[in-house]
Amino acid sequence: MIAKYLKAVLAFLAGFVFWLSLMLMVFAKNLSALSRSAAVYAEFFTKLTVGTLLLLAAWLIVTFARRSSKDLKQAALMTAASGVLAYIAMGFLVFIYQDSLLFSPGSFNDSRREVISRTFPNAEEFWVTAADGTRLQGWIVKNATLEKTPLAIFFAGQGSEASRYLELANRLEGFSAAFVNYRGYGQSGGKPSDKAIFADATAVYDYLVSRGDVDPERVVAIGGSLGTGVATYLASQRDLMGIVLFSPYDRIAGGVTQDMLPFLPTALLFRNKFDVRKYAEATDAFVLAIVGDKDRVITPWRSMLQTANFRNSPSVWTVFIDGGDHYSIYEATETWTAVNNFLSFLLEHSYESSAEPPIFMML
């Protein structure tokens, strides 16, 4: 009798491990486009899934060989119960570690500050105090020669640290560029959340346009990945000439995370929704979307869902980068040609409303 129950328990555990490792394998494979380490986990969970599947197959073969209806019912119940428990466990793991999945803050120290001063002598560090008193760290890189320069405010993705993107300022023509660390990133205080990051974006904008060296009538926002939602929110709250979105999304909870975890109700599990559909509808700025046709993190289909939400924008242009993934689109020559053509059009349009629109080739 004890041996029989022990076999049942072992079979249940094998089923639980199989279902859980199967879900983790799918998630890790989807996540591998965002993180190299995820590919290693995907390989591990693939092997674990195959191993436990073989154990379950052996147990089921023995059960069927006995041709006992009671044993068959028990096998079915064990398989179903272990699957349900594994599903609940997977949901619990995602809920517990959701902030680690959404936010990957990079650090900042004095040695990095010294590197910036040598590498980017025209970069000025600034600090902004958010509405709740949190201090936010940022930089402005002066590229233009005008007394009051047009400005592009960059909002980065969920990983790294803002100063790592300062070199992007050199890709812009006729614009100065500002970069800011989200709260919890670099030396910015606080803890990141969608509501806090959105509110911080307006505080950063208000500070920058109050400076004497920025033309408040000629400001654009440039967002990448997670930052596209921040740029979209800012455009709905402040008067921007335009926004440039690298891999835009419509929502993260129930959207991007749903694409990665198709078997879980991510709209319910994730506290930080990053749902920017309504902000896109409230935006009246010009929009340029840069989309890699091989992007597996924020799929082209997901990006197209968002561009369709800019119903009140005067014009929305989408440039597809052939063979571009979530990262390589930033290195493509076609990308920055399109971005600078767009910015040039915005400047011309700000002086003359009849300016010819830019011509974007479907790359």
Protein backbone atom coordinates (compact mmCIF):
# COMPACT_ATOMS: atom_id res chain seq x y z
CA MET A 1 0.00 0.00 0.00
CA ILE A 2 2.81 2.40 0.96
CA ALA A 3 4.63 1.62 -2.29
CA LYS A 4 1.45 2.37 -4.26
CA TYR A 5 0.98 5.77 -2.61
CA LEU A 6 4.66 6.55 -3.02
CA LYS A 7 4.41 5.88 -6.75
CA ALA A 8 1.36 8.15 -6.95
CA VAL A 9 3.18 10.95 -5.13
CA LEU A 10 6.24 10.60 -7.35
CA ALA A 11 4.03 10.63 -10.44
CA PHE A 12 2.27 13.77 -9.18
CA LEU A 13 5.60 15.50 -8.54
CA ALA A 14 6.85 14.49 -11.97
CA GLY A 15 3.69 15.93 -13.51
CA PHE A 16 4.06 19.14 -11.53
CA VAL A 17 7.68 19.56 -12.59
CA PHE A 18 6.75 18.80 -16.21
CA TRP A 19 3.97 21.39 -16.43
CA LEU A 20 5.94 24.04 -14.57
CA SER A 21 9.12 23.51 -16.58
CA LEU A 22 7.07 23.56 -19.79
CA MET A 23 5.66 27.02 -18.93
CA LEU A 24 9.06 28.28 -17.80
CA MET A 25 10.59 26.99 -21.03
CA VAL A 26 8.08 28.92 -23.15
CA PHE A 27 8.60 32.07 -21.09
CA ALA A 28 12.40 31.80 -21.17
CA LYS A 29 12.40 31.29 -24.94
CA ASN A 30 10.23 34.35 -25.43
CA LEU A 31 12.39 36.31 -23.00
CA SER A 32 15.64 35.24 -24.70
CA ALA A 33 15.15 38.06 -27.22
CA LEU A 34 15.47 40.52 -24.34
CA SER A 35 18.08 38.76 -22.19
CA ARG A 36 20.95 36.48 -23.19
CA SER A 37 20.81 34.66 -19.86
CA ALA A 38 17.20 33.71 -20.62
CA ALA A 39 18.44 31.56 -23.52
CA VAL A 40 20.50 29.50 -21.05
CA TYR A 41 17.46 29.03 -18.83
CA ALA A 42 15.38 28.09 -21.86
CA GLU A 43 17.82 25.30 -22.71
CA PHE A 44 17.78 24.04 -19.12
CA PHE A 45 13.99 24.02 -18.87
CA THR A 46 13.76 22.31 -22.26
CA LYS A 47 15.90 19.43 -20.99
CA LEU A 48 13.93 19.30 -17.74
CA THR A 49 10.65 19.24 -19.64
CA VAL A 50 11.80 16.40 -21.89
CA GLY A 51 13.15 14.42 -18.92
CA THR A 52 9.96 14.66 -16.86
CA LEU A 53 7.87 13.97 -19.94
CA LEU A 54 9.72 10.69 -20.42
CA LEU A 55 9.06 9.79 -16.76
CA LEU A 56 5.37 10.57 -17.16
CA ALA A 57 5.22 8.61 -20.40
CA ALA A 58 6.75 5.56 -18.70
CA TRP A 59 4.25 5.81 -15.84
CA LEU A 60 1.30 6.16 -18.22
CA ILE A 61 2.48 3.20 -20.30
CA VAL A 62 2.64 1.01 -17.20
CA THR A 63 -0.80 2.25 -16.11
CA PHE A 64 -2.38 1.56 -19.49
CA ALA A 65 -0.72 -1.88 -19.59
CA ARG A 66 -2.63 -2.85 -16.45
CA ARG A 67 -5.91 -1.90 -18.15
CA SER A 68 -7.42 -0.91 -14.84
CA SER A 69 -10.12 1.75 -15.10
CA LYS A 70 -9.34 2.84 -11.55
CA ASP A 71 -5.66 3.28 -12.37
CA LEU A 72 -6.53 5.17 -15.57
CA LYS A 73 -8.81 7.56 -13.70
CA GLN A 74 -6.13 8.08 -11.09
CA ALA A 75 -3.57 8.86 -13.81
CA ALA A 76 -5.90 11.39 -15.41
CA LEU A 77 -6.63 13.06 -12.08
CA MET A 78 -2.96 13.15 -11.15
CA THR A 79 -2.02 14.73 -14.49
CA ALA A 80 -4.80 17.34 -14.25
CA ALA A 81 -4.14 18.18 -10.60
CA SER A 82 -0.40 18.57 -11.12
CA GLY A 83 -1.10 20.84 -14.12
CA VAL A 84 -3.45 23.04 -12.10
CA LEU A 85 -0.97 23.33 -9.23
CA ALA A 86 1.87 24.13 -11.64
CA TYR A 87 -0.27 26.81 -13.29
CA ILE A 88 -0.98 28.43 -9.92
CA ALA A 89 2.72 28.20 -8.98
CA MET A 90 3.74 29.87 -12.25
CA GLY A 91 1.29 32.70 -11.69
CA PHE A 92 2.57 33.13 -8.14
CA LEU A 93 6.20 33.30 -9.33
CA VAL A 94 5.38 35.92 -11.96
CA PHE A 95 3.41 37.98 -9.44
CA ILE A 96 6.22 37.87 -6.88
CA TYR A 97 8.99 38.75 -9.36
CA GLN A 98 7.02 41.09 -11.64
CA ASP A 99 9.07 44.20 -10.79
CA SER A 100 12.29 42.38 -11.62
CA LEU A 101 10.80 41.42 -14.98
CA LEU A 102 9.74 44.99 -15.79
CA PHE A 103 12.62 47.02 -14.38
CA SER A 104 16.37 46.37 -14.60
CA PRO A 105 18.01 49.48 -13.10
CA GLY A 106 21.61 50.18 -13.98
CA SER A 107 23.99 51.63 -11.39
CA PHE A 108 25.99 54.87 -11.50
CA ASN A 109 29.13 55.90 -9.62
CA ASP A 110 31.82 58.57 -9.58
CA SER A 111 34.06 56.65 -11.98
CA ARG A 112 31.25 56.66 -14.52
CA ARG A 113 30.87 60.42 -13.97
CA GLU A 114 34.57 60.87 -14.78
CA VAL A 115 34.18 58.85 -17.98
CA ILE A 116 31.28 61.06 -19.04
CA SER A 117 33.25 64.26 -18.42
CA ARG A 118 36.05 62.97 -20.66
CA THR A 119 33.92 61.40 -23.37
CA PHE A 120 31.12 63.95 -23.52
CA PRO A 121 32.60 67.35 -22.59
CA ASN A 122 29.41 69.08 -23.75
CA ALA A 123 27.21 67.01 -21.41
CA GLU A 124 25.83 68.80 -18.36
CA GLU A 125 24.47 66.80 -15.43
CA PHE A 126 21.25 68.12 -13.92
CA TRP A 127 18.86 67.17 -11.13
CA VAL A 128 15.08 67.47 -11.07
CA THR A 129 12.91 67.25 -7.98
CA ALA A 130 9.69 65.31 -8.63
CA ALA A 131 6.32 66.25 -7.12
CA ASP A 132 6.84 63.84 -4.21
CA GLY A 133 10.34 65.16 -3.48
CA THR A 134 12.24 62.37 -5.25
CA ARG A 135 15.42 63.61 -6.95
CA LEU A 136 15.97 62.53 -10.55
CA GLN A 137 19.34 62.50 -12.28
CA GLY A 138 19.79 63.54 -15.89
CA TRP A 139 22.06 65.04 -18.53
CA ILE A 140 21.65 67.54 -21.33
CA VAL A 141 24.03 67.32 -24.29
CA LYS A 142 24.31 70.58 -26.25
CA ASN A 143 24.69 69.82 -29.94
CA ALA A 144 23.18 72.92 -31.48
CA THR A 145 24.80 76.35 -31.65
CA LEU A 146 21.69 78.48 -31.17
CA GLU A 147 21.20 80.44 -27.96
CA LYS A 148 17.90 78.60 -27.44
CA THR A 149 18.13 75.18 -29.02
CA PRO A 150 15.49 72.66 -30.08
CA LEU A 151 15.53 69.76 -27.65
CA ALA A 152 14.93 66.01 -27.85
CA ILE A 153 14.14 64.33 -24.52
CA PHE A 154 15.14 60.65 -24.50
CA PHE A 155 13.26 58.05 -22.46
CA ALA A 156 15.12 54.73 -22.48
CA GLY A 157 14.00 51.13 -22.10
CA GLN A 158 13.74 49.06 -18.94
CA GLY A 159 17.40 48.13 -18.68
CA SER A 160 20.74 49.84 -18.15
CA GLU A 161 21.21 53.48 -17.10
CA ALA A 162 20.56 56.75 -18.95
CA SER A 163 24.16 57.91 -19.36
CA ARG A 164 24.86 54.80 -21.43
CA TYR A 165 22.76 56.35 -24.19
CA LEU A 166 24.49 59.73 -24.36
CA GLU A 167 26.16 58.82 -27.64
CA LEU A 168 22.74 58.89 -29.30
CA ALA A 169 22.91 62.69 -29.02
CA ASN A 170 25.59 62.61 -31.73
CA ARG A 171 23.09 60.96 -34.10
CA LEU A 172 20.77 63.99 -34.04
CA GLU A 173 21.06 66.98 -36.35
CA GLY A 174 20.13 70.44 -35.08
CA PHE A 175 18.89 69.28 -31.67
CA SER A 176 20.29 69.19 -28.18
CA ALA A 177 19.41 66.02 -26.26
CA ALA A 178 18.35 65.32 -22.67
CA PHE A 179 18.51 61.98 -20.89
CA VAL A 180 17.05 61.14 -17.50
CA ASN A 181 17.31 58.17 -15.15
CA TYR A 182 13.96 56.81 -14.08
CA ARG A 183 13.46 56.67 -10.33
CA GLY A 184 15.48 53.80 -8.92
CA TYR A 185 17.89 53.97 -11.89
CA GLY A 186 21.41 55.40 -11.66
CA GLN A 187 21.47 57.83 -8.76
CA SER A 188 17.81 58.79 -9.06
CA GLY A 189 15.93 58.13 -5.84
CA GLY A 190 12.69 56.27 -5.28
CA LYS A 191 11.23 53.09 -6.68
CA PRO A 192 10.01 52.74 -10.29
CA SER A 193 6.33 52.38 -11.14
CA ASP A 194 4.27 53.34 -14.16
CA LYS A 195 2.40 56.19 -12.45
CA ALA A 196 5.57 57.62 -10.87
CA ILE A 197 7.59 57.42 -14.10
CA PHE A 198 4.81 59.12 -16.06
CA ALA A 199 4.53 61.92 -13.51
CA ASP A 200 8.32 62.31 -13.45
CA ALA A 201 8.35 62.82 -17.23
CA THR A 202 6.27 66.01 -16.91
CA ALA A 203 8.52 67.26 -14.07
CA VAL A 204 11.59 66.72 -16.25
CA TYR A 205 9.94 68.46 -19.20
CA ASP A 206 8.89 71.45 -17.06
CA TYR A 207 12.42 71.83 -15.75
CA LEU A 208 14.04 71.62 -19.18
CA VAL A 209 11.76 74.12 -20.91
CA SER A 210 12.32 76.57 -18.04
CA ARG A 211 16.04 76.67 -18.84
CA GLY A 212 17.25 79.68 -20.76
CA ASP A 213 19.10 77.54 -23.33
CA VAL A 214 16.09 75.49 -24.53
CA ASP A 215 13.46 76.63 -27.03
CA PRO A 216 10.19 75.59 -25.33
CA GLU A 217 8.32 75.74 -28.65
CA ARG A 218 10.56 73.15 -30.28
CA VAL A 219 10.70 70.09 -28.03
CA VAL A 220 10.29 66.46 -29.06
CA ALA A 221 10.32 63.23 -27.06
CA ILE A 222 12.17 60.12 -28.19
CA GLY A 223 11.27 56.86 -26.49
CA GLY A 224 12.68 53.37 -26.78
CA SER A 225 10.78 50.22 -25.75
CA LEU A 226 9.45 50.94 -22.24
CA GLY A 227 10.21 54.61 -22.86
CA THR A 228 7.79 54.83 -25.79
CA GLY A 229 4.94 54.74 -23.29
CA VAL A 230 6.59 57.53 -21.29
CA ALA A 231 7.08 59.66 -24.42
CA THR A 232 3.46 59.05 -25.42
CA TYR A 233 2.21 60.04 -21.98
CA LEU A 234 4.28 63.23 -22.06
CA ALA A 235 2.91 64.14 -25.50
CA SER A 236 -0.63 63.83 -24.11
CA GLN A 237 0.17 66.18 -21.20
CA ARG A 238 2.49 68.78 -22.74
CA ASP A 239 2.77 70.58 -26.07
CA LEU A 240 5.38 68.67 -28.09
CA MET A 241 6.24 69.11 -31.75
CA GLY A 242 6.48 65.38 -32.23
CA ILE A 243 7.49 62.04 -30.77
CA VAL A 244 9.80 59.33 -32.08
CA LEU A 245 8.99 55.82 -30.86
CA PHE A 246 11.40 52.88 -31.15
CA SER A 247 9.31 49.68 -30.83
CA PRO A 248 6.12 51.24 -29.44
CA TYR A 249 3.60 49.20 -27.46
CA ASP A 250 -0.04 49.76 -26.56
CA ARG A 251 0.19 48.24 -23.08
CA ILE A 252 2.58 46.04 -21.13
CA ALA A 253 0.24 44.24 -18.72
CA GLY A 254 -2.11 42.24 -20.90
CA GLY A 255 -0.07 43.23 -23.96
CA VAL A 256 3.70 42.79 -24.23
CA THR A 257 3.75 40.48 -21.20
CA GLN A 258 0.79 38.57 -22.62
CA ASP A 259 2.79 37.90 -25.78
CA MET A 260 5.57 36.45 -23.63
CA LEU A 261 3.30 34.61 -21.20
CA PRO A 262 0.34 33.61 -23.37
CA PHE A 263 -0.99 31.15 -20.78
CA LEU A 264 -1.29 33.60 -17.85
CA PRO A 265 -3.72 36.53 -17.24
CA THR A 266 -0.96 39.15 -17.15
CA ALA A 267 -3.47 42.02 -17.16
CA LEU A 268 -4.47 40.86 -13.67
CA LEU A 269 -1.06 39.79 -12.37
CA PHE A 270 0.97 42.93 -13.14
CA ARG A 271 0.53 45.98 -10.92
CA ASN A 272 2.27 48.32 -13.36
CA LYS A 273 0.01 48.30 -16.39
CA PHE A 274 1.82 50.79 -18.64
CA ASP A 275 -1.42 51.05 -20.61
CA VAL A 276 -0.85 54.02 -22.92
CA ARG A 277 -3.69 53.56 -25.39
CA LYS A 278 -5.72 56.46 -24.04
CA TYR A 279 -2.64 58.69 -23.99
CA ALA A 280 -2.02 57.94 -27.65
CA GLU A 281 -5.59 58.97 -28.44
CA ALA A 282 -5.05 62.23 -26.52
CA THR A 283 -1.86 63.09 -28.44
CA ASP A 284 -1.98 65.73 -31.17
CA ALA A 285 1.73 65.72 -32.02
CA PHE A 286 3.35 64.28 -35.15
CA VAL A 287 4.48 60.67 -34.66
CA LEU A 288 7.31 58.61 -36.13
CA ALA A 289 7.50 54.91 -35.23
CA ILE A 290 10.64 52.84 -35.87
CA VAL A 291 9.82 49.13 -35.98
CA GLY A 292 12.11 46.16 -36.53
CA ASP A 293 10.36 43.48 -38.55
CA LYS A 294 12.23 40.80 -36.56
CA ASP A 295 11.50 42.26 -33.12
CA ARG A 296 10.51 39.42 -30.77
CA VAL A 297 10.21 41.54 -27.62
CA ILE A 298 7.64 44.06 -28.82
CA THR A 299 6.33 42.48 -31.98
CA PRO A 300 5.57 44.55 -35.11
CA TRP A 301 1.94 43.56 -34.66
CA ARG A 302 1.96 45.01 -31.14
CA SER A 303 3.55 48.22 -32.41
CA MET A 304 0.95 48.54 -35.15
CA LEU A 305 -1.82 48.25 -32.58
CA GLN A 306 -0.36 51.29 -30.86
CA THR A 307 0.23 53.43 -33.95
CA ALA A 308 -3.44 52.94 -34.81
CA ASN A 309 -4.32 54.62 -31.50
CA PHE A 310 -2.85 57.98 -32.55
CA ARG A 311 -6.15 59.01 -34.09
CA ASN A 312 -5.79 62.70 -33.32
CA SER A 313 -2.20 63.11 -34.49
CA PRO A 314 -1.87 65.13 -37.71
CA SER A 315 0.37 62.46 -39.23
CA VAL A 316 1.76 59.10 -38.13
CA TRP A 317 4.68 57.61 -40.04
CA THR A 318 6.01 54.09 -39.55
CA VAL A 319 9.42 52.99 -40.79
CA PHE A 320 10.09 49.25 -40.84
CA ILE A 321 13.74 48.23 -40.56
CA ASP A 322 14.35 45.11 -42.64
CA GLY A 323 15.86 42.42 -40.44
CA GLY A 324 15.83 44.75 -37.43
CA ASP A 325 15.33 43.33 -33.95
CA HIS A 326 14.67 45.03 -30.62
CA TYR A 327 18.25 46.31 -30.41
CA SER A 328 19.71 46.48 -33.92
CA ILE A 329 17.23 49.15 -35.05
CA TYR A 330 19.27 51.70 -33.06
CA GLU A 331 22.34 50.92 -35.14
CA ALA A 332 20.73 50.98 -38.58
CA THR A 333 21.68 53.88 -40.85
CA GLU A 334 18.11 53.93 -42.17
CA THR A 335 16.83 54.58 -38.67
CA TRP A 336 18.71 57.83 -38.09
CA THR A 337 18.13 59.02 -41.65
CA ALA A 338 14.41 58.69 -40.98
CA VAL A 339 14.68 60.30 -37.53
CA ASN A 340 16.62 63.31 -38.79
CA ASN A 341 14.30 63.73 -41.78
CA PHE A 342 11.40 63.73 -39.34
CA LEU A 343 13.07 66.26 -37.02
CA SER A 344 13.96 68.47 -39.96
CA PHE A 345 10.33 68.42 -41.07
CA LEU A 346 9.18 69.34 -37.57
CA LEU A 347 11.52 72.34 -37.48
CA GLU A 348 10.39 73.50 -40.91
CA HIS A 349 6.75 72.96 -39.95
CA SER A 350 7.23 75.03 -36.77
CA TYR A 351 8.31 77.97 -38.93
CA GLU A 352 6.09 77.29 -41.93
CA SER A 353 2.89 75.23 -41.64
CA SER A 354 2.98 74.42 -45.37
CA ALA A 355 6.31 72.59 -45.11
CA GLU A 356 6.58 69.48 -47.24
CA PRO A 357 6.23 66.26 -45.21
CA PRO A 358 9.25 63.95 -45.06
CA ILE A 359 9.44 61.04 -47.44
CA PHE A 360 9.93 57.79 -45.55
CA MET A 361 10.75 54.71 -47.56
CA MET A 362 9.47 51.38 -46.25
CA LEU A 363 12.90 50.01 -45.40
